[in-house]
Amino acid sequence: MKPNDPKDDLHRYLKAAREAVVWKLDGLSEYDSRRPLTPTGTNLLGLVKHLASVELGYFGPTFGRPHTESLPWYDEESEPNSDMWAPADESREDILSLYHRAWAHADATIEALPLDAMGHVAWWGDDGDVTLQRIMLHVTAETNRHAGHADIVRELIDGKAGLRETNSNMDGGDEAWYQEYWNRLEASAKEAQAKPN
């Protein structure tokens, strides 16, 4: 049995998380890809835009490998959270293209440097000295976190859930099974609420 390569393993998990996020946009209208579905405004296209910015920052300037992308949502005069949504003049194709270019830039950094390569995350202040391994872990964790957000948002839009189209990784069954399951959970929650403390 061949031993795993830690860098390849980290990279594979990052790539899988990226693909899971992008898959959540498949088949959606412009409105559904952008509309906020939580009180804090979480939306699918905004998650993609944010993650593109994350990869460009962590795998670019952190390791002295600047990118050439314009990210006006990080300008001092930009409004808060402007990296978390897409105005009508930013097309879905533009944002997906930005994310794919961010992947290419990040992948080039990952391929060029060893796991113990040192970098500095300026916005982390005094705790900003990092290795490539730490950044790969950090970005993979952040991407998976947002993939979970995307999974829930997509389910709220049209009921589609799961890891990817070819692997739902969901237990259970069809729509009727999930309705019965939901009803059981709701009844249990009400029963627990009604119990005296």
Protein backbone atom coordinates (compact mmCIF):
# COMPACT_ATOMS: atom_id res chain seq x y z
CA MET A 1 0.00 0.00 0.00
CA LYS A 2 1.37 3.38 -1.02
CA PRO A 3 1.47 5.96 1.79
CA ASN A 4 -0.63 9.07 1.34
CA ASP A 5 1.03 12.31 0.39
CA PRO A 6 -0.16 14.97 2.86
CA LYS A 7 0.00 17.79 0.32
CA ASP A 8 -1.93 15.80 -2.27
CA ASP A 9 -4.52 14.86 0.36
CA LEU A 10 -5.03 18.48 1.41
CA HIS A 11 -5.27 19.60 -2.19
CA ARG A 12 -7.77 16.87 -3.06
CA TYR A 13 -10.04 17.91 -0.17
CA LEU A 14 -9.82 21.57 -1.20
CA LYS A 15 -10.72 20.71 -4.80
CA ALA A 16 -13.69 18.59 -3.69
CA ALA A 17 -15.00 21.42 -1.50
CA ARG A 18 -14.67 23.91 -4.37
CA GLU A 19 -16.62 21.66 -6.72
CA ALA A 20 -19.36 21.15 -4.12
CA VAL A 21 -19.85 24.92 -3.84
CA VAL A 22 -19.99 25.49 -7.60
CA TRP A 23 -22.37 22.57 -8.15
CA LYS A 24 -24.94 24.32 -5.96
CA LEU A 25 -25.46 26.91 -8.73
CA ASP A 26 -26.27 24.35 -11.43
CA GLY A 27 -29.67 24.85 -13.02
CA LEU A 28 -30.64 27.92 -11.01
CA SER A 29 -32.05 31.16 -12.37
CA GLU A 30 -30.22 34.45 -11.90
CA TYR A 31 -32.68 35.32 -9.15
CA ASP A 32 -32.28 32.06 -7.25
CA SER A 33 -28.49 32.15 -7.51
CA ARG A 34 -28.44 35.62 -5.89
CA ARG A 35 -31.42 35.88 -3.56
CA PRO A 36 -30.81 36.08 0.18
CA LEU A 37 -32.27 33.18 2.11
CA THR A 38 -31.17 33.94 5.66
CA PRO A 39 -31.65 37.03 7.84
CA THR A 40 -27.95 37.85 7.29
CA GLY A 41 -28.30 37.71 3.50
CA THR A 42 -26.54 34.43 2.71
CA ASN A 43 -26.85 33.67 -0.99
CA LEU A 44 -25.15 31.22 -3.33
CA LEU A 45 -23.40 33.56 -5.74
CA GLY A 46 -22.15 35.67 -2.85
CA LEU A 47 -20.56 32.60 -1.28
CA VAL A 48 -18.72 31.90 -4.53
CA LYS A 49 -17.55 35.51 -4.81
CA HIS A 50 -16.34 35.47 -1.20
CA LEU A 51 -14.47 32.19 -1.65
CA ALA A 52 -12.75 33.49 -4.80
CA SER A 53 -11.51 36.44 -2.77
CA VAL A 54 -10.39 34.16 0.05
CA GLU A 55 -8.28 31.98 -2.24
CA LEU A 56 -6.74 34.95 -4.00
CA GLY A 57 -5.73 36.50 -0.68
CA TYR A 58 -4.45 33.46 1.13
CA PHE A 59 -2.58 31.87 -1.78
CA GLY A 60 -1.42 35.15 -3.32
CA PRO A 61 0.10 37.98 -1.24
CA THR A 62 0.48 35.68 1.77
CA PHE A 63 3.26 33.87 -0.10
CA GLY A 64 4.58 36.79 -2.13
CA ARG A 65 2.66 35.62 -5.19
CA PRO A 66 0.40 38.56 -6.00
CA HIS A 67 -2.55 38.08 -8.33
CA THR A 68 -3.70 40.51 -11.00
CA GLU A 69 -7.42 40.46 -10.16
CA SER A 70 -9.35 43.62 -9.35
CA LEU A 71 -11.32 43.14 -6.12
CA PRO A 72 -13.07 46.49 -5.60
CA TRP A 73 -15.11 45.07 -2.74
CA TYR A 74 -11.95 45.23 -0.62
CA ASP A 75 -11.35 48.95 -1.22
CA GLU A 76 -11.54 51.11 1.89
CA GLU A 77 -14.63 52.92 0.65
CA SER A 78 -16.55 49.73 -0.20
CA GLU A 79 -19.55 48.87 1.93
CA PRO A 80 -19.39 46.05 4.48
CA ASN A 81 -20.12 42.56 3.10
CA SER A 82 -19.72 43.65 -0.52
CA ASP A 83 -17.74 40.46 -1.11
CA MET A 84 -20.80 38.41 -0.02
CA TRP A 85 -23.26 39.33 -2.78
CA ALA A 86 -23.34 40.14 -6.47
CA PRO A 87 -24.96 43.33 -7.75
CA ALA A 88 -26.93 42.98 -10.99
CA ASP A 89 -24.00 44.30 -13.04
CA GLU A 90 -21.77 41.39 -11.91
CA SER A 91 -22.77 38.37 -13.95
CA ARG A 92 -22.78 34.84 -12.64
CA GLU A 93 -20.32 33.94 -15.41
CA ASP A 94 -17.96 36.73 -14.27
CA ILE A 95 -17.98 35.50 -10.68
CA LEU A 96 -17.58 31.84 -11.62
CA SER A 97 -14.74 32.81 -13.94
CA LEU A 98 -13.11 34.76 -11.11
CA TYR A 99 -13.42 31.71 -8.85
CA HIS A 100 -11.84 29.45 -11.47
CA ARG A 101 -8.98 31.94 -11.95
CA ALA A 102 -8.55 32.01 -8.17
CA TRP A 103 -8.32 28.20 -8.21
CA ALA A 104 -5.64 28.34 -10.90
CA HIS A 105 -3.65 30.92 -8.95
CA ALA A 106 -3.98 28.97 -5.70
CA ASP A 107 -3.14 25.67 -7.40
CA ALA A 108 0.02 27.23 -8.91
CA THR A 109 1.08 28.38 -5.42
CA ILE A 110 0.34 24.95 -3.96
CA GLU A 111 2.30 23.20 -6.70
CA ALA A 112 5.26 25.61 -6.48
CA LEU A 113 5.81 25.55 -2.72
CA PRO A 114 6.49 22.83 -0.13
CA LEU A 115 4.08 22.44 2.79
CA ASP A 116 6.57 24.08 5.15
CA ALA A 117 6.99 27.20 2.97
CA MET A 118 6.55 30.30 5.12
CA GLY A 119 4.20 33.15 4.36
CA HIS A 120 2.54 36.00 6.20
CA VAL A 121 -1.17 36.81 6.44
CA ALA A 122 -1.08 40.59 6.86
CA TRP A 123 -4.65 40.85 8.19
CA TRP A 124 -3.85 38.38 11.00
CA GLY A 125 -1.43 40.87 12.54
CA ASP A 126 1.21 39.47 14.88
CA ASP A 127 -0.15 35.93 14.43
CA GLY A 128 0.21 36.12 10.66
CA ASP A 129 3.32 33.98 10.13
CA VAL A 130 2.06 30.76 8.54
CA THR A 131 3.08 27.73 6.52
CA LEU A 132 1.50 26.63 3.28
CA GLN A 133 0.15 23.62 5.18
CA ARG A 134 -1.68 25.85 7.66
CA ILE A 135 -3.18 27.95 4.86
CA MET A 136 -4.28 24.87 2.93
CA LEU A 137 -6.02 23.62 6.10
CA HIS A 138 -7.54 27.03 6.78
CA VAL A 139 -8.89 27.57 3.26
CA THR A 140 -10.17 23.98 3.01
CA ALA A 141 -12.00 24.40 6.32
CA GLU A 142 -13.46 27.74 5.23
CA THR A 143 -14.52 26.37 1.85
CA ASN A 144 -16.20 23.37 3.47
CA ARG A 145 -17.94 25.66 5.97
CA HIS A 146 -19.36 27.73 3.13
CA ALA A 147 -20.19 24.57 1.16
CA GLY A 148 -22.42 23.65 4.10
CA HIS A 149 -24.07 27.06 3.91
CA ALA A 150 -24.54 26.57 0.17
CA ASP A 151 -26.06 23.14 0.74
CA ILE A 152 -28.69 24.57 3.07
CA VAL A 153 -29.41 27.58 0.84
CA ARG A 154 -29.87 25.33 -2.20
CA GLU A 155 -32.17 23.03 -0.25
CA LEU A 156 -34.28 26.05 0.72
CA ILE A 157 -34.54 27.05 -2.95
CA ASP A 158 -35.60 23.79 -4.56
CA GLY A 159 -35.01 20.91 -2.18
CA LYS A 160 -31.79 19.70 -3.82
CA ALA A 161 -29.27 18.58 -1.22
CA GLY A 162 -26.10 16.55 -1.02
CA LEU A 163 -22.42 16.55 -1.72
CA ARG A 164 -22.59 16.55 -5.52
CA GLU A 165 -24.85 15.42 -8.31
CA THR A 166 -23.32 11.95 -8.53
CA ASN A 167 -23.16 11.41 -4.75
CA SER A 168 -25.92 12.85 -2.60
CA ASN A 169 -24.40 11.34 0.59
CA MET A 170 -27.90 11.64 2.06
CA ASP A 171 -29.47 8.87 4.12
CA GLY A 172 -33.17 8.22 3.81
CA GLY A 173 -35.27 8.00 0.75
CA ASP A 174 -37.67 9.88 -1.44
CA GLU A 175 -39.69 13.04 -0.80
CA ALA A 176 -42.41 11.14 1.09
CA TRP A 177 -39.81 9.55 3.40
CA TYR A 178 -38.30 12.95 4.18
CA GLN A 179 -41.72 14.48 4.85
CA GLU A 180 -42.51 11.73 7.36
CA TYR A 181 -39.04 12.16 8.89
CA TRP A 182 -39.54 15.94 9.17
CA ASN A 183 -42.94 15.43 10.79
CA ARG A 184 -41.39 13.05 13.34
CA LEU A 185 -38.62 15.55 14.20
CA GLU A 186 -41.14 18.39 14.54
CA ALA A 187 -43.34 16.29 16.84
CA SER A 188 -40.33 15.33 18.95
CA ALA A 189 -39.23 18.96 19.25
CA LYS A 190 -42.74 20.00 20.40
CA GLU A 191 -42.84 17.12 22.87
CA ALA A 192 -39.47 18.14 24.33
CA GLN A 193 -40.61 21.76 24.60
CA ALA A 194 -43.80 20.73 26.45
CA LYS A 195 -41.95 18.70 29.13
CA PRO A 196 -41.61 20.47 32.48
CA ASN A 197 -38.05 21.40 33.42
